[in-house]
Amino acid sequence: MQSRFESVHCAITEQLNKLTSVCDQLSAVSSTVQSAPNRETRDRSMNVIMFDIPEHRDVSFWRQSVMDAIQHVAGRTVDTDDMFRIGRYSADKTRLVIVRLRSTWDRRLVLSNCYKLRDYRERVFIKPDESVKIRRKRPFDQLKRQAERGGKTVSVANGILTVDDNEVFSLRQGPITHQSS
C-alpha cells in the first residue's frame, strides 16, 4: 500500500512542480508588460482639447455645447467616444475639455477647420491633444529662433534655454520666471 501511496505522491509532486514552473514563467512575462499606459505613450491620435466651454454642473449641458461647437466646425455631426473635463469644478473658471473622436479623419477635419470658430456664437478654441513634451518643445524652439534672429547669445544645456546668460525656458518645467529683488 505504501508504495502505491508514494507513487501517487510523487506524481502529484511532479505535477505541482511543473505548474509552479509555468506560474513563475507567466509572472516573469507579466512583470515585463506594463499594465497601465505610461503618460508619454498614451494614444492621443484621436483627441482634441477644447477651451472656454461654459461651466455647468449638469454634464449634458456642457456636452451639448461641445457637440454644437464641433458640428459648427466640421459642418456635419461628428461621432465622439468620450469627453471629459480636467480638474475640479469651480463656478468662476472654465476647465478644458478633452474630446476623444471616433476617427482620426474627424480629428483632422475638426483641427483643419477650427478657424471657423471665429464665426461661432461663443468664444471657443480647439487644439490637438499632445504630450507635455511636445507641447513644450514648440515654444522652446520659437524662443530659440527669436533670440538667434535678434543676434543674442543662445545656448541649450540639459533642456534649458539660456539667452544672454539668463535662463528663459525649460523643457521640463516650461517658462522660467526670474524674481526681481
C-alpha atoms as a PDB file:
ATOM      1  CA  MET A   1       0.000   0.000   0.000  1.00  0.00           C
ATOM      2  CA  GLN A   2       2.746   2.384   0.881  1.00  0.00           C
ATOM      3  CA  SER A   3       4.442   2.035  -2.482  1.00  0.00           C
ATOM      4  CA  ARG A   4       1.194   2.937  -4.254  1.00  0.00           C
ATOM      5  CA  PHE A   5       0.804   5.955  -1.951  1.00  0.00           C
ATOM      6  CA  GLU A   6       4.393   7.001  -2.653  1.00  0.00           C
ATOM      7  CA  SER A   7       3.922   6.715  -6.414  1.00  0.00           C
ATOM      8  CA  VAL A   8       0.748   8.859  -6.289  1.00  0.00           C
ATOM      9  CA  HIS A   9       2.555  11.329  -4.042  1.00  0.00           C
ATOM     10  CA  CYS A  10       5.481  11.509  -6.480  1.00  0.00           C
ATOM     11  CA  ALA A  11       3.134  12.062  -9.437  1.00  0.00           C
ATOM     12  CA  ILE A  12       1.302  14.852  -7.643  1.00  0.00           C
ATOM     13  CA  THR A  13       4.584  16.472  -6.568  1.00  0.00           C
ATOM     14  CA  GLU A  14       5.842  16.297 -10.153  1.00  0.00           C
ATOM     15  CA  GLN A  15       2.695  17.958 -11.490  1.00  0.00           C
ATOM     16  CA  LEU A  16       2.872  20.598  -8.773  1.00  0.00           C
ATOM     17  CA  ASN A  17       6.488  21.381  -9.695  1.00  0.00           C
ATOM     18  CA  LYS A  18       5.530  21.719 -13.380  1.00  0.00           C
ATOM     19  CA  LEU A  19       2.655  24.075 -12.517  1.00  0.00           C
ATOM     20  CA  THR A  20       4.905  26.120 -10.261  1.00  0.00           C
ATOM     21  CA  SER A  21       7.408  26.430 -13.102  1.00  0.00           C
ATOM     22  CA  VAL A  22       4.691  27.592 -15.515  1.00  0.00           C
ATOM     23  CA  CYS A  23       3.406  30.137 -12.957  1.00  0.00           C
ATOM     24  CA  ASP A  24       6.932  31.504 -12.470  1.00  0.00           C
ATOM     25  CA  GLN A  25       7.325  31.914 -16.233  1.00  0.00           C
ATOM     26  CA  LEU A  26       3.962  33.694 -16.509  1.00  0.00           C
ATOM     27  CA  SER A  27       4.776  36.060 -13.657  1.00  0.00           C
ATOM     28  CA  ALA A  28       8.111  36.902 -15.297  1.00  0.00           C
ATOM     29  CA  VAL A  29       6.350  37.730 -18.571  1.00  0.00           C
ATOM     30  CA  SER A  30       3.588  39.770 -16.942  1.00  0.00           C
ATOM     31  CA  SER A  31       6.069  41.860 -14.965  1.00  0.00           C
ATOM     32  CA  THR A  32       7.744  42.996 -18.189  1.00  0.00           C
ATOM     33  CA  VAL A  33       4.445  44.159 -19.714  1.00  0.00           C
ATOM     34  CA  GLN A  34       3.088  47.409 -18.298  1.00  0.00           C
ATOM     35  CA  SER A  35      -0.456  47.102 -17.043  1.00  0.00           C
ATOM     36  CA  ALA A  36      -1.269  50.820 -17.275  1.00  0.00           C
ATOM     37  CA  PRO A  37      -0.181  53.019 -20.181  1.00  0.00           C
ATOM     38  CA  ASN A  38       2.557  55.498 -19.489  1.00  0.00           C
ATOM     39  CA  ARG A  39       1.546  59.160 -19.738  1.00  0.00           C
ATOM     40  CA  GLU A  40       4.016  59.723 -22.546  1.00  0.00           C
ATOM     41  CA  THR A  41       2.880  56.714 -24.589  1.00  0.00           C
ATOM     42  CA  ARG A  42      -0.872  57.208 -24.251  1.00  0.00           C
ATOM     43  CA  ASP A  43      -2.612  57.308 -27.639  1.00  0.00           C
ATOM     44  CA  ARG A  44      -3.734  60.853 -28.342  1.00  0.00           C
ATOM     45  CA  SER A  45      -4.208  60.447 -32.092  1.00  0.00           C
ATOM     46  CA  MET A  46      -7.973  60.943 -31.957  1.00  0.00           C
ATOM     47  CA  ASN A  47      -8.172  63.547 -29.174  1.00  0.00           C
ATOM     48  CA  VAL A  48      -8.749  67.283 -29.312  1.00  0.00           C
ATOM     49  CA  ILE A  49      -8.738  69.770 -26.457  1.00  0.00           C
ATOM     50  CA  MET A  50     -11.412  72.440 -26.230  1.00  0.00           C
ATOM     51  CA  PHE A  51     -11.052  75.643 -24.219  1.00  0.00           C
ATOM     52  CA  ASP A  52     -13.640  78.110 -22.880  1.00  0.00           C
ATOM     53  CA  ILE A  53     -16.623  75.744 -22.906  1.00  0.00           C
ATOM     54  CA  PRO A  54     -19.006  77.239 -20.301  1.00  0.00           C
ATOM     55  CA  GLU A  55     -19.023  75.512 -16.916  1.00  0.00           C
ATOM     56  CA  HIS A  56     -22.164  73.846 -15.685  1.00  0.00           C
ATOM     57  CA  ARG A  57     -22.854  71.224 -13.038  1.00  0.00           C
ATOM     58  CA  ASP A  58     -25.146  69.421 -15.464  1.00  0.00           C
ATOM     59  CA  VAL A  59     -22.917  67.268 -17.689  1.00  0.00           C
ATOM     60  CA  SER A  60     -25.428  67.154 -20.546  1.00  0.00           C
ATOM     61  CA  PHE A  61     -25.378  70.981 -20.769  1.00  0.00           C
ATOM     62  CA  TRP A  62     -21.663  71.370 -21.430  1.00  0.00           C
ATOM     63  CA  ARG A  63     -21.519  68.180 -23.538  1.00  0.00           C
ATOM     64  CA  GLN A  64     -24.147  69.678 -25.832  1.00  0.00           C
ATOM     65  CA  SER A  65     -22.047  72.867 -26.062  1.00  0.00           C
ATOM     66  CA  VAL A  66     -19.055  70.763 -27.123  1.00  0.00           C
ATOM     67  CA  MET A  67     -21.083  68.883 -29.731  1.00  0.00           C
ATOM     68  CA  ASP A  68     -22.536  72.139 -31.119  1.00  0.00           C
ATOM     69  CA  ALA A  69     -19.062  73.676 -31.487  1.00  0.00           C
ATOM     70  CA  ILE A  70     -17.641  70.570 -33.175  1.00  0.00           C
ATOM     71  CA  GLN A  71     -20.625  70.362 -35.523  1.00  0.00           C
ATOM     72  CA  HIS A  72     -20.172  74.046 -36.422  1.00  0.00           C
ATOM     73  CA  VAL A  73     -16.507  73.465 -37.241  1.00  0.00           C
ATOM     74  CA  ALA A  74     -16.927  70.176 -39.135  1.00  0.00           C
ATOM     75  CA  GLY A  75     -20.101  71.166 -40.937  1.00  0.00           C
ATOM     76  CA  ARG A  76     -21.695  67.842 -40.015  1.00  0.00           C
ATOM     77  CA  THR A  77     -22.350  65.647 -36.999  1.00  0.00           C
ATOM     78  CA  VAL A  78     -19.149  64.092 -35.664  1.00  0.00           C
ATOM     79  CA  ASP A  79     -19.193  60.916 -33.548  1.00  0.00           C
ATOM     80  CA  THR A  80     -17.339  61.017 -30.241  1.00  0.00           C
ATOM     81  CA  ASP A  81     -16.191  58.196 -27.982  1.00  0.00           C
ATOM     82  CA  ASP A  82     -15.863  60.209 -24.813  1.00  0.00           C
ATOM     83  CA  MET A  83     -15.418  63.710 -23.447  1.00  0.00           C
ATOM     84  CA  PHE A  84     -14.431  64.860 -20.000  1.00  0.00           C
ATOM     85  CA  ARG A  85     -13.283  67.938 -18.140  1.00  0.00           C
ATOM     86  CA  ILE A  86      -9.905  68.205 -16.477  1.00  0.00           C
ATOM     87  CA  GLY A  87      -9.770  69.442 -12.893  1.00  0.00           C
ATOM     88  CA  ARG A  88     -12.294  70.273 -10.219  1.00  0.00           C
ATOM     89  CA  TYR A  89     -15.467  72.250 -10.772  1.00  0.00           C
ATOM     90  CA  SER A  90     -15.252  75.947  -9.996  1.00  0.00           C
ATOM     91  CA  ALA A  91     -18.018  78.346 -10.991  1.00  0.00           C
ATOM     92  CA  ASP A  92     -15.631  81.219 -11.758  1.00  0.00           C
ATOM     93  CA  LYS A  93     -13.243  79.223 -14.008  1.00  0.00           C
ATOM     94  CA  THR A  94     -13.606  77.207 -17.185  1.00  0.00           C
ATOM     95  CA  ARG A  95     -11.832  73.876 -17.337  1.00  0.00           C
ATOM     96  CA  LEU A  96     -10.599  72.426 -20.571  1.00  0.00           C
ATOM     97  CA  VAL A  97     -12.430  69.518 -22.170  1.00  0.00           C
ATOM     98  CA  ILE A  98     -10.698  66.533 -23.747  1.00  0.00           C
ATOM     99  CA  VAL A  99     -12.782  65.056 -26.547  1.00  0.00           C
ATOM    100  CA  ARG A 100     -11.986  61.627 -27.959  1.00  0.00           C
ATOM    101  CA  LEU A 101     -13.302  61.377 -31.510  1.00  0.00           C
ATOM    102  CA  ARG A 102     -14.089  58.085 -33.226  1.00  0.00           C
ATOM    103  CA  SER A 103     -11.701  58.555 -36.147  1.00  0.00           C
ATOM    104  CA  THR A 104      -8.505  60.370 -36.966  1.00  0.00           C
ATOM    105  CA  TRP A 105     -10.209  61.684 -40.099  1.00  0.00           C
ATOM    106  CA  ASP A 106     -12.743  63.531 -37.928  1.00  0.00           C
ATOM    107  CA  ARG A 107      -9.883  64.901 -35.847  1.00  0.00           C
ATOM    108  CA  ARG A 108      -8.121  66.198 -38.972  1.00  0.00           C
ATOM    109  CA  LEU A 109     -11.353  67.735 -40.206  1.00  0.00           C
ATOM    110  CA  VAL A 110     -12.021  69.488 -36.896  1.00  0.00           C
ATOM    111  CA  LEU A 111      -8.456  70.760 -36.499  1.00  0.00           C
ATOM    112  CA  SER A 112      -8.148  71.988 -40.068  1.00  0.00           C
ATOM    113  CA  ASN A 113     -11.460  73.867 -39.863  1.00  0.00           C
ATOM    114  CA  CYS A 114     -11.152  75.291 -36.346  1.00  0.00           C
ATOM    115  CA  TYR A 115     -10.673  78.747 -37.921  1.00  0.00           C
ATOM    116  CA  LYS A 116     -14.470  78.663 -38.404  1.00  0.00           C
ATOM    117  CA  LEU A 117     -14.838  79.244 -34.665  1.00  0.00           C
ATOM    118  CA  ARG A 118     -14.352  82.964 -35.364  1.00  0.00           C
ATOM    119  CA  ASP A 119     -17.981  82.998 -36.564  1.00  0.00           C
ATOM    120  CA  TYR A 120     -19.266  80.861 -33.693  1.00  0.00           C
ATOM    121  CA  ARG A 121     -21.678  82.336 -31.144  1.00  0.00           C
ATOM    122  CA  GLU A 122     -19.324  81.654 -28.218  1.00  0.00           C
ATOM    123  CA  ARG A 123     -15.587  82.150 -27.801  1.00  0.00           C
ATOM    124  CA  VAL A 124     -14.227  78.566 -28.028  1.00  0.00           C
ATOM    125  CA  PHE A 125     -10.799  77.258 -29.022  1.00  0.00           C
ATOM    126  CA  ILE A 126      -9.751  73.812 -30.253  1.00  0.00           C
ATOM    127  CA  LYS A 127      -6.223  72.386 -30.230  1.00  0.00           C
ATOM    128  CA  PRO A 128      -4.768  68.916 -30.766  1.00  0.00           C
ATOM    129  CA  ASP A 129      -4.120  66.815 -27.679  1.00  0.00           C
ATOM    130  CA  GLU A 130      -0.357  66.376 -27.378  1.00  0.00           C
ATOM    131  CA  SER A 131       2.009  65.155 -24.708  1.00  0.00           C
ATOM    132  CA  VAL A 132       3.622  67.714 -22.404  1.00  0.00           C
ATOM    133  CA  LYS A 133       6.978  67.042 -24.056  1.00  0.00           C
ATOM    134  CA  ILE A 134       5.663  68.007 -27.498  1.00  0.00           C
ATOM    135  CA  ARG A 135       3.673  70.997 -26.180  1.00  0.00           C
ATOM    136  CA  ARG A 136       6.793  72.460 -24.534  1.00  0.00           C
ATOM    137  CA  LYS A 137       9.099  71.795 -27.484  1.00  0.00           C
ATOM    138  CA  ARG A 138       7.235  74.243 -29.766  1.00  0.00           C
ATOM    139  CA  PRO A 139       7.674  77.432 -27.639  1.00  0.00           C
ATOM    140  CA  PHE A 140      11.208  76.308 -26.776  1.00  0.00           C
ATOM    141  CA  ASP A 141      12.155  76.246 -30.478  1.00  0.00           C
ATOM    142  CA  GLN A 142      10.293  79.511 -31.142  1.00  0.00           C
ATOM    143  CA  LEU A 143      12.100  81.371 -28.340  1.00  0.00           C
ATOM    144  CA  LYS A 144      15.413  79.984 -29.564  1.00  0.00           C
ATOM    145  CA  ARG A 145      14.771  81.163 -33.147  1.00  0.00           C
ATOM    146  CA  GLN A 146      13.675  84.625 -31.981  1.00  0.00           C
ATOM    147  CA  ALA A 147      16.790  85.061 -29.867  1.00  0.00           C
ATOM    148  CA  GLU A 148      19.068  83.885 -32.689  1.00  0.00           C
ATOM    149  CA  ARG A 149      17.383  86.284 -35.154  1.00  0.00           C
ATOM    150  CA  GLY A 150      17.868  89.091 -32.636  1.00  0.00           C
ATOM    151  CA  GLY A 151      21.609  88.401 -32.516  1.00  0.00           C
ATOM    152  CA  LYS A 152      21.563  87.330 -28.878  1.00  0.00           C
ATOM    153  CA  THR A 153      23.818  84.706 -27.324  1.00  0.00           C
ATOM    154  CA  VAL A 154      21.860  81.435 -27.169  1.00  0.00           C
ATOM    155  CA  SER A 155      22.824  78.170 -25.510  1.00  0.00           C
ATOM    156  CA  VAL A 156      20.979  74.958 -24.643  1.00  0.00           C
ATOM    157  CA  ALA A 157      22.148  72.678 -21.847  1.00  0.00           C
ATOM    158  CA  ASN A 158      20.178  69.877 -20.183  1.00  0.00           C
ATOM    159  CA  GLY A 159      16.930  71.054 -21.812  1.00  0.00           C
ATOM    160  CA  ILE A 160      17.286  74.625 -20.519  1.00  0.00           C
ATOM    161  CA  LEU A 161      17.365  77.521 -22.979  1.00  0.00           C
ATOM    162  CA  THR A 162      19.687  80.330 -21.933  1.00  0.00           C
ATOM    163  CA  VAL A 163      19.587  83.696 -23.718  1.00  0.00           C
ATOM    164  CA  ASP A 164      22.270  86.298 -22.856  1.00  0.00           C
ATOM    165  CA  ASP A 165      23.160  84.394 -19.638  1.00  0.00           C
ATOM    166  CA  ASN A 166      19.517  84.333 -18.445  1.00  0.00           C
ATOM    167  CA  GLU A 167      17.655  81.041 -18.208  1.00  0.00           C
ATOM    168  CA  VAL A 168      14.449  81.549 -20.180  1.00  0.00           C
ATOM    169  CA  PHE A 169      12.737  78.203 -20.802  1.00  0.00           C
ATOM    170  CA  SER A 170      12.977  74.615 -19.599  1.00  0.00           C
ATOM    171  CA  LEU A 171      11.659  71.607 -21.480  1.00  0.00           C
ATOM    172  CA  ARG A 172      10.859  70.017 -18.127  1.00  0.00           C
ATOM    173  CA  GLN A 173       9.163  72.953 -16.350  1.00  0.00           C
ATOM    174  CA  GLY A 174       8.192  75.435 -19.070  1.00  0.00           C
ATOM    175  CA  PRO A 175       8.868  79.194 -18.833  1.00  0.00           C
ATOM    176  CA  ILE A 176      11.355  80.277 -16.191  1.00  0.00           C
ATOM    177  CA  THR A 177      10.421  83.465 -14.377  1.00  0.00           C
ATOM    178  CA  HIS A 178      13.014  85.498 -12.538  1.00  0.00           C
ATOM    179  CA  GLN A 179      12.066  87.214  -9.302  1.00  0.00           C
ATOM    180  CA  SER A 180      13.109  90.869  -9.161  1.00  0.00           C
ATOM    181  CA  SER A 181      14.956  91.846  -5.998  1.00  0.00           C
END
